[in-house]
Amino acid sequence: MKSFVAELKEHQAVMACLMDCAVAIETSAELLIETLNQGGKIIFCGNGGSAADCQHIAAELVVQYQKNRQALAALALTTDTSILTAHSNDFGFETVYARQIEAIANEKDCLVAISTSGRSKNILKAVEAARAKGMAIIGLTGADGGELSQCVTHSINVPSKVTARIQEAHILVGHWWCGVIEESLSVN
């Protein structure tokens, strides 16, 4: 059994390596602020734990992160079980997020596509749909970034191949974005 201390050291090593991603993380925050300033929405998609991260970050933006302020336009495509199940049943899972982007997104919006491997087919299809709409796209991924890192406006590739470490870094990045966005756009 791996000790907690060993797990913590692995976590700390990955977090320290995020310094290499600082420019991409900060540039992405600027893009998210610009999106909201122009009347756009931040739209999130991901699978499994990344789906939960989408919902978590969107909730922080809509409700509040650290300040009581007006709601910010953010949504997770992972939350409507009727759409998710109907589309997956009728058309397949690969296009479940792309279909939602087709329905609700526009060129003012920004997609945050989360895939720890960068190879999730439904995330890549969502990116295709977002690109067709002229949207900006941020990819949150790990290791080499997979295909996702090659087709987005900004890519943040967490330097790890361990899914748990990548997801821990993603939520740190998401929380930092929420704080920066909240500071920049707060209207009490």
C-alpha atoms as a PDB file:
ATOM      1  CA  MET A   1       0.000   0.000   0.000  1.00  0.00           C
ATOM      2  CA  LYS A   2       1.276   3.441  -0.948  1.00  0.00           C
ATOM      3  CA  SER A   3       1.566   5.678   2.107  1.00  0.00           C
ATOM      4  CA  PHE A   4      -0.297   8.956   2.366  1.00  0.00           C
ATOM      5  CA  VAL A   5       3.046  10.768   2.620  1.00  0.00           C
ATOM      6  CA  ALA A   6       4.160   9.243  -0.699  1.00  0.00           C
ATOM      7  CA  GLU A   7       0.858  10.295  -2.292  1.00  0.00           C
ATOM      8  CA  LEU A   8       1.222  13.803  -0.904  1.00  0.00           C
ATOM      9  CA  LYS A   9       4.784  14.095  -2.228  1.00  0.00           C
ATOM     10  CA  GLU A  10       3.590  13.015  -5.688  1.00  0.00           C
ATOM     11  CA  HIS A  11       0.818  15.633  -5.510  1.00  0.00           C
ATOM     12  CA  GLN A  12       3.264  18.361  -4.442  1.00  0.00           C
ATOM     13  CA  ALA A  13       5.680  17.485  -7.238  1.00  0.00           C
ATOM     14  CA  VAL A  14       2.950  17.841  -9.873  1.00  0.00           C
ATOM     15  CA  MET A  15       1.691  21.098  -8.359  1.00  0.00           C
ATOM     16  CA  ALA A  16       5.252  22.487  -8.386  1.00  0.00           C
ATOM     17  CA  CYS A  17       5.531  21.605 -12.088  1.00  0.00           C
ATOM     18  CA  LEU A  18       2.444  23.725 -12.802  1.00  0.00           C
ATOM     19  CA  MET A  19       4.856  26.659 -12.790  1.00  0.00           C
ATOM     20  CA  ASP A  20       5.660  25.572 -16.349  1.00  0.00           C
ATOM     21  CA  CYS A  21       1.982  26.113 -17.238  1.00  0.00           C
ATOM     22  CA  ALA A  22       1.635  29.536 -15.559  1.00  0.00           C
ATOM     23  CA  VAL A  23       1.602  31.570 -18.770  1.00  0.00           C
ATOM     24  CA  ALA A  24      -1.095  29.384 -20.354  1.00  0.00           C
ATOM     25  CA  ILE A  25      -3.157  29.427 -17.139  1.00  0.00           C
ATOM     26  CA  GLU A  26      -2.956  33.222 -16.847  1.00  0.00           C
ATOM     27  CA  THR A  27      -3.600  33.805 -20.559  1.00  0.00           C
ATOM     28  CA  SER A  28      -6.636  31.526 -20.318  1.00  0.00           C
ATOM     29  CA  ALA A  29      -7.962  33.560 -17.378  1.00  0.00           C
ATOM     30  CA  GLU A  30      -7.693  36.701 -19.509  1.00  0.00           C
ATOM     31  CA  LEU A  31      -9.665  34.954 -22.255  1.00  0.00           C
ATOM     32  CA  LEU A  32     -12.385  33.908 -19.778  1.00  0.00           C
ATOM     33  CA  ILE A  33     -12.661  37.472 -18.444  1.00  0.00           C
ATOM     34  CA  GLU A  34     -12.856  38.828 -21.996  1.00  0.00           C
ATOM     35  CA  THR A  35     -15.574  36.272 -22.806  1.00  0.00           C
ATOM     36  CA  LEU A  36     -17.726  37.418 -19.891  1.00  0.00           C
ATOM     37  CA  ASN A  37     -17.030  41.112 -20.583  1.00  0.00           C
ATOM     38  CA  GLN A  38     -18.298  40.651 -24.158  1.00  0.00           C
ATOM     39  CA  GLY A  39     -21.541  39.042 -22.977  1.00  0.00           C
ATOM     40  CA  GLY A  40     -20.468  35.468 -23.669  1.00  0.00           C
ATOM     41  CA  LYS A  41     -20.801  32.327 -21.586  1.00  0.00           C
ATOM     42  CA  ILE A  42     -18.164  29.954 -20.270  1.00  0.00           C
ATOM     43  CA  ILE A  43     -19.225  26.441 -21.244  1.00  0.00           C
ATOM     44  CA  PHE A  44     -17.585  23.373 -19.689  1.00  0.00           C
ATOM     45  CA  CYS A  45     -17.505  19.725 -20.772  1.00  0.00           C
ATOM     46  CA  GLY A  46     -15.708  16.636 -19.483  1.00  0.00           C
ATOM     47  CA  ASN A  47     -16.234  12.998 -18.512  1.00  0.00           C
ATOM     48  CA  GLY A  48     -16.221  11.229 -15.128  1.00  0.00           C
ATOM     49  CA  GLY A  49     -14.239  13.193 -12.547  1.00  0.00           C
ATOM     50  CA  SER A  50     -13.719  15.904 -15.147  1.00  0.00           C
ATOM     51  CA  ALA A  51     -17.513  16.179 -15.516  1.00  0.00           C
ATOM     52  CA  ALA A  52     -17.695  16.788 -11.780  1.00  0.00           C
ATOM     53  CA  ASP A  53     -14.973  19.439 -12.128  1.00  0.00           C
ATOM     54  CA  CYS A  54     -17.038  21.128 -14.861  1.00  0.00           C
ATOM     55  CA  GLN A  55     -20.045  21.324 -12.584  1.00  0.00           C
ATOM     56  CA  HIS A  56     -17.931  22.491  -9.642  1.00  0.00           C
ATOM     57  CA  ILE A  57     -16.249  25.351 -11.505  1.00  0.00           C
ATOM     58  CA  ALA A  58     -19.471  26.442 -13.237  1.00  0.00           C
ATOM     59  CA  ALA A  59     -21.232  26.541  -9.856  1.00  0.00           C
ATOM     60  CA  GLU A  60     -18.467  28.701  -8.358  1.00  0.00           C
ATOM     61  CA  LEU A  61     -18.936  31.198 -11.201  1.00  0.00           C
ATOM     62  CA  VAL A  62     -22.730  31.271 -11.214  1.00  0.00           C
ATOM     63  CA  VAL A  63     -23.231  31.300  -7.433  1.00  0.00           C
ATOM     64  CA  GLN A  64     -20.071  32.668  -5.813  1.00  0.00           C
ATOM     65  CA  TYR A  65     -16.489  31.727  -5.163  1.00  0.00           C
ATOM     66  CA  GLN A  66     -15.295  33.982  -2.348  1.00  0.00           C
ATOM     67  CA  LYS A  67     -17.411  37.101  -2.803  1.00  0.00           C
ATOM     68  CA  ASN A  68     -21.100  37.820  -2.820  1.00  0.00           C
ATOM     69  CA  ARG A  69     -21.566  39.311  -6.304  1.00  0.00           C
ATOM     70  CA  GLN A  70     -23.768  39.077  -9.353  1.00  0.00           C
ATOM     71  CA  ALA A  71     -23.999  35.748 -11.150  1.00  0.00           C
ATOM     72  CA  LEU A  72     -21.561  35.059 -13.991  1.00  0.00           C
ATOM     73  CA  ALA A  73     -22.617  33.210 -17.163  1.00  0.00           C
ATOM     74  CA  ALA A  74     -21.231  29.674 -16.909  1.00  0.00           C
ATOM     75  CA  LEU A  75     -22.685  26.234 -17.455  1.00  0.00           C
ATOM     76  CA  ALA A  76     -21.631  22.604 -17.512  1.00  0.00           C
ATOM     77  CA  LEU A  77     -22.901  20.479 -20.400  1.00  0.00           C
ATOM     78  CA  THR A  78     -22.675  17.490 -18.060  1.00  0.00           C
ATOM     79  CA  THR A  79     -25.781  18.209 -15.978  1.00  0.00           C
ATOM     80  CA  ASP A  80     -28.910  17.599 -18.058  1.00  0.00           C
ATOM     81  CA  THR A  81     -29.544  13.862 -17.746  1.00  0.00           C
ATOM     82  CA  SER A  82     -32.436  13.936 -20.212  1.00  0.00           C
ATOM     83  CA  ILE A  83     -30.255  15.430 -22.954  1.00  0.00           C
ATOM     84  CA  LEU A  84     -27.298  13.198 -22.087  1.00  0.00           C
ATOM     85  CA  THR A  85     -29.342   9.988 -22.146  1.00  0.00           C
ATOM     86  CA  ALA A  86     -31.633  10.846 -25.072  1.00  0.00           C
ATOM     87  CA  HIS A  87     -28.775  11.913 -27.310  1.00  0.00           C
ATOM     88  CA  SER A  88     -26.561   8.988 -26.315  1.00  0.00           C
ATOM     89  CA  ASN A  89     -29.415   6.559 -26.948  1.00  0.00           C
ATOM     90  CA  ASP A  90     -30.502   8.071 -30.255  1.00  0.00           C
ATOM     91  CA  PHE A  91     -27.184   9.198 -31.750  1.00  0.00           C
ATOM     92  CA  GLY A  92     -24.324   7.895 -29.594  1.00  0.00           C
ATOM     93  CA  PHE A  93     -22.124   9.330 -26.876  1.00  0.00           C
ATOM     94  CA  GLU A  94     -19.438  10.794 -29.155  1.00  0.00           C
ATOM     95  CA  THR A  95     -21.533  13.803 -30.147  1.00  0.00           C
ATOM     96  CA  VAL A  96     -23.444  14.423 -26.899  1.00  0.00           C
ATOM     97  CA  TYR A  97     -21.588  17.669 -26.097  1.00  0.00           C
ATOM     98  CA  ALA A  98     -21.248  18.792 -29.723  1.00  0.00           C
ATOM     99  CA  ARG A  99     -25.043  18.693 -30.060  1.00  0.00           C
ATOM    100  CA  GLN A 100     -25.485  20.925 -27.017  1.00  0.00           C
ATOM    101  CA  ILE A 101     -22.921  23.390 -28.355  1.00  0.00           C
ATOM    102  CA  GLU A 102     -24.814  23.430 -31.635  1.00  0.00           C
ATOM    103  CA  ALA A 103     -27.997  24.319 -29.729  1.00  0.00           C
ATOM    104  CA  ILE A 104     -26.863  26.935 -27.191  1.00  0.00           C
ATOM    105  CA  ALA A 105     -23.422  28.328 -28.017  1.00  0.00           C
ATOM    106  CA  ASN A 106     -22.339  31.272 -30.124  1.00  0.00           C
ATOM    107  CA  GLU A 107     -19.105  32.972 -31.194  1.00  0.00           C
ATOM    108  CA  LYS A 108     -18.977  35.103 -28.021  1.00  0.00           C
ATOM    109  CA  ASP A 109     -18.741  31.992 -25.831  1.00  0.00           C
ATOM    110  CA  CYS A 110     -15.680  30.093 -24.637  1.00  0.00           C
ATOM    111  CA  LEU A 111     -15.543  26.326 -24.279  1.00  0.00           C
ATOM    112  CA  VAL A 112     -13.432  24.805 -21.508  1.00  0.00           C
ATOM    113  CA  ALA A 113     -12.847  21.224 -22.662  1.00  0.00           C
ATOM    114  CA  ILE A 114     -11.487  18.913 -19.970  1.00  0.00           C
ATOM    115  CA  SER A 115      -9.887  15.550 -20.772  1.00  0.00           C
ATOM    116  CA  THR A 116      -7.064  14.113 -18.682  1.00  0.00           C
ATOM    117  CA  SER A 117      -5.796  12.141 -21.691  1.00  0.00           C
ATOM    118  CA  GLY A 118      -6.668  14.706 -24.346  1.00  0.00           C
ATOM    119  CA  ARG A 119      -8.116  11.862 -26.398  1.00  0.00           C
ATOM    120  CA  SER A 120     -11.793  11.647 -25.360  1.00  0.00           C
ATOM    121  CA  LYS A 121     -13.782  11.447 -28.578  1.00  0.00           C
ATOM    122  CA  ASN A 122     -16.809  13.330 -27.264  1.00  0.00           C
ATOM    123  CA  ILE A 123     -14.590  16.166 -26.033  1.00  0.00           C
ATOM    124  CA  LEU A 124     -12.811  16.363 -29.394  1.00  0.00           C
ATOM    125  CA  LYS A 125     -16.200  16.469 -31.174  1.00  0.00           C
ATOM    126  CA  ALA A 126     -17.292  19.279 -28.821  1.00  0.00           C
ATOM    127  CA  VAL A 127     -14.151  21.191 -29.775  1.00  0.00           C
ATOM    128  CA  GLU A 128     -14.963  20.690 -33.479  1.00  0.00           C
ATOM    129  CA  ALA A 129     -18.461  22.068 -32.911  1.00  0.00           C
ATOM    130  CA  ALA A 130     -17.088  25.039 -30.960  1.00  0.00           C
ATOM    131  CA  ARG A 131     -14.557  25.794 -33.688  1.00  0.00           C
ATOM    132  CA  ALA A 132     -17.337  25.691 -36.289  1.00  0.00           C
ATOM    133  CA  LYS A 133     -19.147  28.365 -34.251  1.00  0.00           C
ATOM    134  CA  GLY A 134     -15.991  30.510 -34.026  1.00  0.00           C
ATOM    135  CA  MET A 135     -15.660  30.065 -30.273  1.00  0.00           C
ATOM    136  CA  ALA A 136     -12.466  30.365 -28.239  1.00  0.00           C
ATOM    137  CA  ILE A 137     -11.495  27.060 -26.615  1.00  0.00           C
ATOM    138  CA  ILE A 138      -9.389  26.225 -23.584  1.00  0.00           C
ATOM    139  CA  GLY A 139      -8.153  22.658 -23.166  1.00  0.00           C
ATOM    140  CA  LEU A 140      -7.378  21.273 -19.718  1.00  0.00           C
ATOM    141  CA  THR A 141      -5.501  18.030 -20.089  1.00  0.00           C
ATOM    142  CA  GLY A 142      -2.463  16.104 -18.872  1.00  0.00           C
ATOM    143  CA  ALA A 143       0.855  14.657 -20.010  1.00  0.00           C
ATOM    144  CA  ASP A 144       1.392  15.450 -23.706  1.00  0.00           C
ATOM    145  CA  GLY A 145      -2.133  16.881 -24.130  1.00  0.00           C
ATOM    146  CA  GLY A 146      -3.176  14.362 -26.760  1.00  0.00           C
ATOM    147  CA  GLU A 147      -5.155  15.588 -29.753  1.00  0.00           C
ATOM    148  CA  LEU A 148      -6.966  18.134 -27.583  1.00  0.00           C
ATOM    149  CA  SER A 149      -3.887  20.284 -27.090  1.00  0.00           C
ATOM    150  CA  GLN A 150      -3.492  20.607 -30.867  1.00  0.00           C
ATOM    151  CA  CYS A 151      -6.952  22.028 -31.615  1.00  0.00           C
ATOM    152  CA  VAL A 152      -7.641  24.625 -28.908  1.00  0.00           C
ATOM    153  CA  THR A 153      -6.923  28.314 -28.444  1.00  0.00           C
ATOM    154  CA  HIS A 154      -4.991  27.659 -25.209  1.00  0.00           C
ATOM    155  CA  SER A 155      -3.894  24.312 -23.803  1.00  0.00           C
ATOM    156  CA  ILE A 156      -2.943  23.601 -20.216  1.00  0.00           C
ATOM    157  CA  ASN A 157      -1.207  20.221 -20.087  1.00  0.00           C
ATOM    158  CA  VAL A 158      -0.645  19.171 -16.488  1.00  0.00           C
ATOM    159  CA  PRO A 159       2.757  17.416 -16.455  1.00  0.00           C
ATOM    160  CA  SER A 160       1.578  14.021 -15.201  1.00  0.00           C
ATOM    161  CA  LYS A 161       0.181  10.737 -16.521  1.00  0.00           C
ATOM    162  CA  VAL A 162      -1.676   9.996 -13.258  1.00  0.00           C
ATOM    163  CA  THR A 163      -5.367  10.858 -13.640  1.00  0.00           C
ATOM    164  CA  ALA A 164      -5.814  11.800  -9.971  1.00  0.00           C
ATOM    165  CA  ARG A 165      -2.876  14.219 -10.026  1.00  0.00           C
ATOM    166  CA  ILE A 166      -4.103  15.787 -13.281  1.00  0.00           C
ATOM    167  CA  GLN A 167      -7.588  16.292 -11.847  1.00  0.00           C
ATOM    168  CA  GLU A 168      -6.173  17.784  -8.647  1.00  0.00           C
ATOM    169  CA  ALA A 169      -4.268  20.299 -10.759  1.00  0.00           C
ATOM    170  CA  HIS A 170      -7.325  21.042 -12.894  1.00  0.00           C
ATOM    171  CA  ILE A 171      -9.400  21.984  -9.864  1.00  0.00           C
ATOM    172  CA  LEU A 172      -6.585  24.199  -8.561  1.00  0.00           C
ATOM    173  CA  VAL A 173      -6.477  25.976 -11.917  1.00  0.00           C
ATOM    174  CA  GLY A 174     -10.283  26.250 -11.953  1.00  0.00           C
ATOM    175  CA  HIS A 175     -10.338  27.729  -8.459  1.00  0.00           C
ATOM    176  CA  TRP A 176      -7.644  30.235  -9.375  1.00  0.00           C
ATOM    177  CA  TRP A 177      -9.606  31.239 -12.477  1.00  0.00           C
ATOM    178  CA  CYS A 178     -12.731  31.748 -10.344  1.00  0.00           C
ATOM    179  CA  GLY A 179     -10.855  34.033  -7.975  1.00  0.00           C
ATOM    180  CA  VAL A 180      -9.297  36.103 -10.750  1.00  0.00           C
ATOM    181  CA  ILE A 181     -12.572  36.350 -12.668  1.00  0.00           C
ATOM    182  CA  GLU A 182     -14.453  37.302  -9.519  1.00  0.00           C
ATOM    183  CA  GLU A 183     -11.932  40.030  -8.679  1.00  0.00           C
ATOM    184  CA  SER A 184     -12.004  41.386 -12.213  1.00  0.00           C
ATOM    185  CA  LEU A 185     -15.769  41.320 -12.780  1.00  0.00           C
ATOM    186  CA  SER A 186     -17.279  41.712  -9.331  1.00  0.00           C
ATOM    187  CA  VAL A 187     -20.227  43.999  -9.092  1.00  0.00           C
ATOM    188  CA  ASN A 188     -21.806  43.928  -5.640  1.00  0.00           C
END
